[in-house]
C-alpha cells in the first residue's frame, strides 16, 4: 500500500500525486467509465482515447492487461 508516483501518460490521466496501486486502479476505472471507453460488445475490452492510447500503445486493451501498462508508469 506504499504510495507510488504516476509518470508520463499515466500522470496525464490520474494526476501526478503519489497514491497506492489500489487507488491508481480505481482512478483509471473512473476515467474509463466517465468517458464510456468500455467496449459495448465485449465489456472486458477498453477502447483507448488519445490519453489511453499513449498509455497502452494501441487502440484497444483488455482489462487484464491494464496492470501491465500501469506498472511501467509507476515509480
N, C-alpha and C. Protein backbone atom coordinates (compact mmCIF):
# COMPACT_ATOMS: atom_id res chain seq x y z
N UNK A 1 0.82 -1.20 0.00
CA UNK A 1 0.00 0.00 0.00
C UNK A 1 0.86 1.26 0.00
N UNK A 2 2.13 1.10 -0.35
CA UNK A 2 3.04 2.24 -0.41
C UNK A 2 2.63 3.17 -1.56
N UNK A 3 2.51 4.46 -1.29
CA UNK A 3 2.18 5.41 -2.37
C UNK A 3 3.26 5.41 -3.45
N UNK A 4 2.83 5.38 -4.70
CA UNK A 4 3.74 5.38 -5.83
C UNK A 4 3.43 6.60 -6.69
N UNK A 5 4.43 7.08 -7.39
CA UNK A 5 4.31 8.29 -8.20
C UNK A 5 3.98 7.94 -9.66
N UNK A 6 2.81 8.33 -10.16
CA UNK A 6 2.48 8.12 -11.57
C UNK A 6 3.35 9.04 -12.46
N UNK A 7 3.80 8.51 -13.60
CA UNK A 7 4.63 9.29 -14.51
C UNK A 7 4.06 9.22 -15.92
N UNK A 8 4.54 10.08 -16.77
CA UNK A 8 4.21 10.07 -18.20
C UNK A 8 2.73 10.05 -18.50
N UNK A 9 2.31 9.15 -19.41
CA UNK A 9 0.90 9.12 -19.83
C UNK A 9 -0.06 8.77 -18.70
N UNK A 10 0.40 8.01 -17.73
CA UNK A 10 -0.46 7.67 -16.59
C UNK A 10 -0.78 8.92 -15.77
N UNK A 11 0.22 9.76 -15.55
CA UNK A 11 0.02 11.00 -14.80
C UNK A 11 -0.96 11.93 -15.53
N UNK A 12 -0.97 11.88 -16.86
CA UNK A 12 -1.90 12.71 -17.64
C UNK A 12 -3.35 12.28 -17.41
N UNK A 13 -3.56 11.03 -17.02
CA UNK A 13 -4.91 10.50 -16.81
C UNK A 13 -5.37 10.69 -15.37
N UNK A 14 -4.51 10.35 -14.40
CA UNK A 14 -4.94 10.35 -13.00
C UNK A 14 -4.29 11.42 -12.14
N UNK A 15 -3.38 12.20 -12.70
CA UNK A 15 -2.69 13.21 -11.91
C UNK A 15 -1.33 12.70 -11.46
N UNK A 16 -0.52 13.58 -10.92
CA UNK A 16 0.86 13.21 -10.60
C UNK A 16 1.14 13.12 -9.10
N UNK A 17 0.10 13.08 -8.28
CA UNK A 17 0.33 12.95 -6.84
C UNK A 17 0.49 11.48 -6.48
N UNK A 18 1.35 11.17 -5.50
CA UNK A 18 1.57 9.77 -5.10
C UNK A 18 0.29 9.15 -4.54
N UNK A 19 0.06 7.88 -4.90
CA UNK A 19 -1.10 7.15 -4.39
C UNK A 19 -0.81 5.65 -4.45
N UNK A 20 -1.47 4.87 -3.59
CA UNK A 20 -1.28 3.41 -3.63
C UNK A 20 -1.81 2.82 -4.94
N UNK A 21 -1.30 1.65 -5.30
CA UNK A 21 -1.73 0.98 -6.54
C UNK A 21 -3.25 0.79 -6.60
N UNK A 22 -3.85 0.48 -5.47
CA UNK A 22 -5.30 0.27 -5.46
C UNK A 22 -6.04 1.53 -5.88
N UNK A 23 -5.56 2.67 -5.42
CA UNK A 23 -6.18 3.94 -5.79
C UNK A 23 -5.91 4.28 -7.25
N UNK A 24 -4.72 3.94 -7.75
CA UNK A 24 -4.39 4.16 -9.16
C UNK A 24 -5.38 3.41 -10.04
N UNK A 25 -5.60 2.14 -9.72
CA UNK A 25 -6.55 1.32 -10.48
C UNK A 25 -7.95 1.90 -10.41
N UNK A 26 -8.36 2.32 -9.23
CA UNK A 26 -9.67 2.92 -9.05
C UNK A 26 -9.83 4.18 -9.89
N UNK A 27 -8.82 5.03 -9.92
CA UNK A 27 -8.87 6.27 -10.69
C UNK A 27 -8.93 6.01 -12.19
N UNK A 28 -8.20 5.00 -12.65
CA UNK A 28 -8.23 4.66 -14.08
C UNK A 28 -9.62 4.17 -14.47
N UNK A 29 -10.22 3.32 -13.63
CA UNK A 29 -11.57 2.83 -13.94
C UNK A 29 -12.60 3.95 -13.91
N UNK A 30 -12.44 4.91 -13.02
CA UNK A 30 -13.34 6.06 -13.01
C UNK A 30 -13.23 6.82 -14.33
N UNK A 31 -11.99 7.00 -14.82
CA UNK A 31 -11.76 7.68 -16.10
C UNK A 31 -12.41 6.91 -17.24
N UNK A 32 -12.23 5.59 -17.25
CA UNK A 32 -12.80 4.74 -18.30
C UNK A 32 -14.33 4.82 -18.29
N UNK A 33 -14.93 4.72 -17.13
CA UNK A 33 -16.39 4.77 -17.02
C UNK A 33 -16.93 6.16 -17.39
N UNK A 34 -16.26 7.21 -16.89
CA UNK A 34 -16.71 8.59 -17.15
C UNK A 34 -16.71 8.91 -18.65
N UNK A 35 -15.75 8.33 -19.38
CA UNK A 35 -15.62 8.61 -20.81
C UNK A 35 -16.20 7.50 -21.70
N UNK A 36 -16.95 6.56 -21.10
CA UNK A 36 -17.58 5.47 -21.85
C UNK A 36 -16.61 4.75 -22.78
N UNK A 37 -15.48 4.31 -22.23
CA UNK A 37 -14.45 3.68 -23.04
C UNK A 37 -14.48 2.15 -22.98
N UNK A 38 -15.38 1.60 -22.20
CA UNK A 38 -15.52 0.14 -22.16
C UNK A 38 -16.27 -0.29 -23.42
N UNK A 39 -15.75 -1.30 -24.11
CA UNK A 39 -16.36 -1.77 -25.35
C UNK A 39 -17.78 -2.27 -25.09
N UNK A 40 -18.72 -1.89 -25.93
CA UNK A 40 -20.13 -2.26 -25.73
C UNK A 40 -20.36 -3.76 -25.95
N UNK A 41 -19.71 -4.34 -26.95
CA UNK A 41 -19.91 -5.75 -27.28
C UNK A 41 -19.15 -6.68 -26.32
N UNK A 42 -17.93 -6.32 -26.00
CA UNK A 42 -17.10 -7.14 -25.11
C UNK A 42 -16.64 -6.26 -23.95
N UNK A 43 -17.31 -6.33 -22.83
CA UNK A 43 -17.05 -5.44 -21.69
C UNK A 43 -15.67 -5.61 -21.09
N UNK A 44 -14.97 -6.67 -21.47
CA UNK A 44 -13.60 -6.88 -20.96
C UNK A 44 -12.57 -6.02 -21.68
N UNK A 45 -12.97 -5.44 -22.80
CA UNK A 45 -12.05 -4.64 -23.60
C UNK A 45 -12.26 -3.15 -23.34
N UNK A 46 -11.16 -2.41 -23.37
CA UNK A 46 -11.18 -0.97 -23.16
C UNK A 46 -10.76 -0.30 -24.46
N UNK A 47 -11.62 0.55 -25.00
CA UNK A 47 -11.30 1.30 -26.20
C UNK A 47 -10.52 2.55 -25.79
N UNK A 48 -9.36 2.72 -26.37
CA UNK A 48 -8.48 3.82 -25.96
C UNK A 48 -8.84 5.13 -26.64
N UNK A 49 -8.92 6.20 -25.85
CA UNK A 49 -8.97 7.54 -26.41
C UNK A 49 -7.52 7.99 -26.55
N UNK A 50 -7.27 9.26 -26.81
CA UNK A 50 -5.90 9.73 -27.02
C UNK A 50 -5.01 9.50 -25.80
N UNK A 51 -5.54 9.77 -24.60
CA UNK A 51 -4.74 9.60 -23.38
C UNK A 51 -4.43 8.14 -23.11
N UNK A 52 -5.42 7.27 -23.26
CA UNK A 52 -5.18 5.84 -23.03
C UNK A 52 -4.33 5.22 -24.13
N UNK A 53 -4.43 5.72 -25.35
CA UNK A 53 -3.60 5.21 -26.43
C UNK A 53 -2.12 5.46 -26.12
N UNK A 54 -1.82 6.60 -25.51
CA UNK A 54 -0.44 6.89 -25.10
C UNK A 54 0.02 5.91 -24.02
N UNK A 55 -0.89 5.50 -23.16
CA UNK A 55 -0.56 4.54 -22.09
C UNK A 55 -0.45 3.12 -22.64
N UNK A 56 -1.41 2.69 -23.45
CA UNK A 56 -1.44 1.31 -23.97
C UNK A 56 -0.50 1.10 -25.15
N UNK A 57 -0.36 2.11 -25.98
CA UNK A 57 0.42 1.96 -27.20
C UNK A 57 -0.38 1.30 -28.32
N UNK A 58 -1.68 1.16 -28.13
CA UNK A 58 -2.56 0.57 -29.14
C UNK A 58 -3.99 1.06 -28.92
N UNK A 59 -4.88 0.74 -29.84
CA UNK A 59 -6.24 1.28 -29.82
C UNK A 59 -7.16 0.60 -28.83
N UNK A 60 -6.85 -0.63 -28.43
CA UNK A 60 -7.73 -1.36 -27.52
C UNK A 60 -6.89 -2.31 -26.67
N UNK A 61 -7.28 -2.45 -25.40
CA UNK A 61 -6.58 -3.36 -24.50
C UNK A 61 -7.61 -4.05 -23.62
N UNK A 62 -7.27 -5.24 -23.14
CA UNK A 62 -8.20 -5.93 -22.24
C UNK A 62 -7.99 -5.42 -20.82
N UNK A 63 -9.00 -5.59 -19.99
CA UNK A 63 -8.88 -5.12 -18.61
C UNK A 63 -7.81 -5.92 -17.86
N UNK A 64 -7.48 -7.11 -18.35
CA UNK A 64 -6.45 -7.93 -17.71
C UNK A 64 -5.05 -7.42 -18.02
N UNK A 65 -4.89 -6.69 -19.12
CA UNK A 65 -3.60 -6.10 -19.48
C UNK A 65 -3.34 -4.78 -18.76
N UNK A 66 -4.36 -4.21 -18.19
CA UNK A 66 -4.28 -2.88 -17.58
C UNK A 66 -3.13 -2.77 -16.58
N UNK A 67 -2.98 -3.75 -15.71
CA UNK A 67 -1.93 -3.72 -14.70
C UNK A 67 -0.54 -3.66 -15.33
N UNK A 68 -0.34 -4.39 -16.42
CA UNK A 68 0.95 -4.41 -17.10
C UNK A 68 1.31 -3.01 -17.60
N UNK A 69 0.35 -2.31 -18.20
CA UNK A 69 0.63 -0.98 -18.73
C UNK A 69 0.81 0.05 -17.61
N UNK A 70 0.05 -0.08 -16.55
CA UNK A 70 0.14 0.86 -15.43
C UNK A 70 1.48 0.71 -14.70
N UNK A 71 1.94 -0.52 -14.51
CA UNK A 71 3.18 -0.77 -13.77
C UNK A 71 4.39 -0.08 -14.39
N UNK A 72 4.38 0.05 -15.72
CA UNK A 72 5.50 0.69 -16.40
C UNK A 72 5.61 2.18 -16.05
N UNK A 73 4.53 2.76 -15.55
CA UNK A 73 4.50 4.21 -15.30
C UNK A 73 4.31 4.56 -13.83
N UNK A 74 4.71 3.65 -12.95
CA UNK A 74 4.69 3.93 -11.50
C UNK A 74 6.10 3.86 -10.97
N UNK A 75 6.49 4.85 -10.19
CA UNK A 75 7.83 4.89 -9.60
C UNK A 75 7.72 4.95 -8.11
